Amino acid sequence: MQDAWLPLRLVLALALGAIPALSQAPPQRKPQPAAKAVHQPLTAKALVQRESPAIVTVFNIGASGKPESMGSGFIVRSDGVVVTNFHVVRGAMEAQIKLKTGEIYDRVTVFDFDERRDIAILTIRARDLPTVQLGDSEKAVPGDKAYAIGNPEGFDTRCPTAW
C-alpha cells in the first residue's frame, strides 16, 4: 500500500534539515535576464518640484546701485556656478543672485559668456547649493516636450510647456 503522507514527510524532512545532503546545497537556478527599466517621463509638477531649489533670480545692478533688470538662471555646480542668459547681465556694473530660499549673493563674477548664443556663466562664493539635473540633448527627438523653468519678472518658479 502506498503511503499517502510520504510527499508531505519528505517536504518537512527537507525543510527541517533532516536530509542534510539536500538541505545544504541551494537549488541551482538559471540566471534571469534583468528586467528593463521602464522610463516614465516626469510630469511638469514633479519636474518643477525636483528642480526649483536650483533655479535662481539674477539681478542686473546698474551704476545707480539699484537693480535695472532681472532674469532667471540655474545652478549647475554646488560650489556656486550659475548659468543665465547674457542679456540678463549685459552692461551690469554688478549683479546679485537670489536663491529660492531668499538668500542673496552680491559678489557675483562673470566667469565666461557668449553674446552670440546669449549665455553667461556666473560664479558665487557658496557651498552645498542645490543643482539642476541636466539631461542628455543627444537623446532628445523632435516631438519631445520641453519645459522652461524660471522666475520671469521675479515671480516664483514658473514652468511653461513647449512641444
Protein backbone atom coordinates (compact mmCIF):
# COMPACT_ATOMS: atom_id res chain seq x y z
CA MET A 1 0.00 0.00 0.00
CA GLN A 2 1.26 3.44 -0.92
CA ASP A 3 1.96 5.93 1.91
CA ALA A 4 -0.22 9.00 1.20
CA TRP A 5 1.81 11.05 3.67
CA LEU A 6 5.19 10.35 2.03
CA PRO A 7 5.34 13.57 -0.05
CA LEU A 8 4.45 15.69 2.99
CA ARG A 9 7.05 13.91 5.16
CA LEU A 10 9.73 14.41 2.50
CA VAL A 11 8.95 18.13 2.26
CA LEU A 12 9.02 18.50 6.06
CA ALA A 13 12.22 16.50 6.34
CA LEU A 14 13.83 18.64 3.67
CA ALA A 15 12.62 21.89 5.30
CA LEU A 16 13.78 20.81 8.77
CA GLY A 17 17.20 19.71 7.57
CA ALA A 18 16.69 16.01 8.26
CA ILE A 19 18.10 15.26 4.82
CA PRO A 20 21.45 17.10 5.11
CA ALA A 21 22.78 16.42 1.63
CA LEU A 22 19.76 18.09 0.02
CA SER A 23 19.23 20.88 2.53
CA GLN A 24 22.82 22.19 2.39
CA ALA A 25 23.05 22.70 -1.34
CA PRO A 26 20.96 25.57 -2.63
CA PRO A 27 18.94 24.75 -5.69
CA GLN A 28 20.60 25.74 -8.95
CA ARG A 29 18.66 28.35 -10.86
CA LYS A 30 19.24 29.70 -14.29
CA PRO A 31 20.11 33.40 -14.17
CA GLN A 32 17.18 35.51 -15.30
CA PRO A 33 17.82 38.47 -17.57
CA ALA A 34 17.49 41.77 -15.76
CA ALA A 35 14.18 43.46 -16.30
CA LYS A 36 14.46 46.56 -18.43
CA ALA A 37 13.71 49.74 -16.56
CA VAL A 38 10.64 51.42 -17.91
CA HIS A 39 11.30 55.11 -18.42
CA GLN A 40 8.43 57.13 -17.04
CA PRO A 41 8.60 60.76 -18.11
CA LEU A 42 8.32 63.28 -15.30
CA THR A 43 5.22 65.37 -15.04
CA ALA A 44 5.67 69.12 -15.16
CA LYS A 45 4.74 69.29 -11.47
CA ALA A 46 7.33 66.66 -10.49
CA LEU A 47 9.98 68.34 -12.63
CA VAL A 48 9.37 71.75 -11.03
CA GLN A 49 9.43 70.25 -7.54
CA ARG A 50 12.71 68.50 -8.24
CA GLU A 51 14.49 71.38 -9.99
CA SER A 52 13.08 74.59 -8.46
CA PRO A 53 15.50 74.72 -5.50
CA ALA A 54 18.31 75.25 -8.05
CA ILE A 55 16.50 77.99 -10.02
CA VAL A 56 17.72 81.49 -9.16
CA THR A 57 16.86 85.09 -9.93
CA VAL A 58 19.71 87.17 -11.33
CA PHE A 59 19.60 90.95 -10.82
CA ASN A 60 21.50 93.34 -13.09
CA ILE A 61 22.69 96.16 -10.83
CA GLY A 62 23.30 99.41 -12.70
CA ALA A 63 25.51 102.41 -11.98
CA SER A 64 22.86 103.76 -9.58
CA GLY A 65 23.36 100.70 -7.38
CA LYS A 66 19.78 99.58 -7.97
CA PRO A 67 18.50 96.64 -10.00
CA GLU A 68 17.89 97.68 -13.61
CA SER A 69 16.69 94.30 -14.86
CA MET A 70 16.36 90.71 -13.78
CA GLY A 71 16.22 87.23 -15.22
CA SER A 72 16.44 83.59 -14.31
CA GLY A 73 19.35 81.25 -14.00
CA PHE A 74 20.12 77.80 -12.69
CA ILE A 75 22.83 76.33 -10.50
CA VAL A 76 24.95 73.69 -12.25
CA ARG A 77 27.58 73.09 -9.57
CA SER A 78 27.09 73.02 -5.83
CA ASP A 79 30.08 75.32 -5.33
CA GLY A 80 28.28 78.26 -6.95
CA VAL A 81 28.41 78.00 -10.75
CA VAL A 82 25.27 79.51 -12.28
CA VAL A 83 24.11 79.64 -15.91
CA THR A 84 21.96 82.52 -17.16
CA ASN A 85 21.33 84.44 -20.36
CA PHE A 86 23.92 87.00 -21.37
CA HIS A 87 21.27 89.67 -21.96
CA VAL A 88 20.42 89.47 -18.23
CA VAL A 89 23.89 90.67 -17.18
CA ARG A 90 24.87 92.73 -20.25
CA GLY A 91 26.19 96.12 -19.15
CA ALA A 92 25.83 95.37 -15.45
CA MET A 93 28.11 97.21 -13.05
CA GLU A 94 27.35 94.48 -10.52
CA ALA A 95 24.98 91.55 -10.22
CA GLN A 96 23.12 89.77 -7.45
CA ILE A 97 21.80 86.23 -7.28
CA LYS A 98 18.80 85.35 -5.16
CA LEU A 99 18.15 81.71 -4.25
CA LYS A 100 14.70 80.21 -3.76
CA THR A 101 15.43 80.27 0.00
CA GLY A 102 15.67 84.07 -0.18
CA GLU A 103 19.42 84.11 0.37
CA ILE A 104 21.12 86.81 -1.73
CA TYR A 105 24.69 86.71 -3.04
CA ASP A 106 26.07 90.08 -4.07
CA ARG A 107 29.60 89.07 -5.01
CA VAL A 108 28.88 87.68 -8.46
CA THR A 109 31.61 87.16 -11.04
CA VAL A 110 31.03 86.70 -14.75
CA PHE A 111 33.24 83.68 -15.38
CA ASP A 112 32.56 83.48 -19.13
CA PHE A 113 29.96 84.46 -21.70
CA ASP A 114 28.96 84.06 -25.33
CA GLU A 115 26.96 87.05 -26.53
CA ARG A 116 26.00 85.40 -29.83
CA ARG A 117 24.49 82.37 -28.03
CA ASP A 118 23.10 84.59 -25.24
CA ILE A 119 24.66 82.59 -22.41
CA ALA A 120 26.70 83.61 -19.38
CA ILE A 121 28.42 81.57 -16.69
CA LEU A 122 28.45 83.25 -13.30
CA THR A 123 30.14 82.26 -10.07
CA ILE A 124 29.34 82.99 -6.45
CA ARG A 125 31.17 82.01 -3.29
CA ALA A 126 29.00 79.24 -1.91
CA ARG A 127 28.99 75.58 -0.95
CA ASP A 128 26.44 72.78 -0.89
CA LEU A 129 23.97 74.52 -3.17
CA PRO A 130 21.23 72.51 -4.88
CA THR A 131 21.90 71.85 -8.56
CA VAL A 132 19.74 71.08 -11.56
CA GLN A 133 19.85 67.63 -13.07
CA LEU A 134 20.91 68.20 -16.65
CA GLY A 135 19.54 65.93 -19.37
CA ASP A 136 21.24 64.48 -22.42
CA SER A 137 20.40 66.53 -25.50
CA GLU A 138 21.62 63.66 -27.70
CA LYS A 139 18.58 61.66 -26.54
CA ALA A 140 16.05 64.38 -27.39
CA VAL A 141 13.98 63.81 -30.51
CA PRO A 142 11.52 66.04 -32.35
CA GLY A 143 8.18 65.87 -30.60
CA ASP A 144 9.60 65.55 -27.06
CA LYS A 145 8.16 68.01 -24.56
CA ALA A 146 10.41 70.81 -23.39
CA TYR A 147 9.97 72.77 -20.18
CA ALA A 148 11.44 76.16 -19.34
CA ILE A 149 11.64 76.64 -15.57
CA GLY A 150 12.40 80.10 -14.33
CA ASN A 151 11.43 83.18 -12.35
CA PRO A 152 10.20 85.61 -15.00
CA GLU A 153 9.90 89.17 -13.77
CA GLY A 154 10.83 87.95 -10.27
CA PHE A 155 7.75 85.77 -9.85
CA ASP A 156 8.16 82.47 -8.06
CA THR A 157 9.04 79.47 -10.22
CA ARG A 158 7.03 79.14 -13.44
CA CYS A 159 7.08 76.32 -15.96
CA PRO A 160 5.59 76.85 -19.43
CA THR A 161 5.42 73.83 -21.74
CA ALA A 162 6.57 73.67 -25.35
CA TRP A 163 6.12 70.90 -27.90
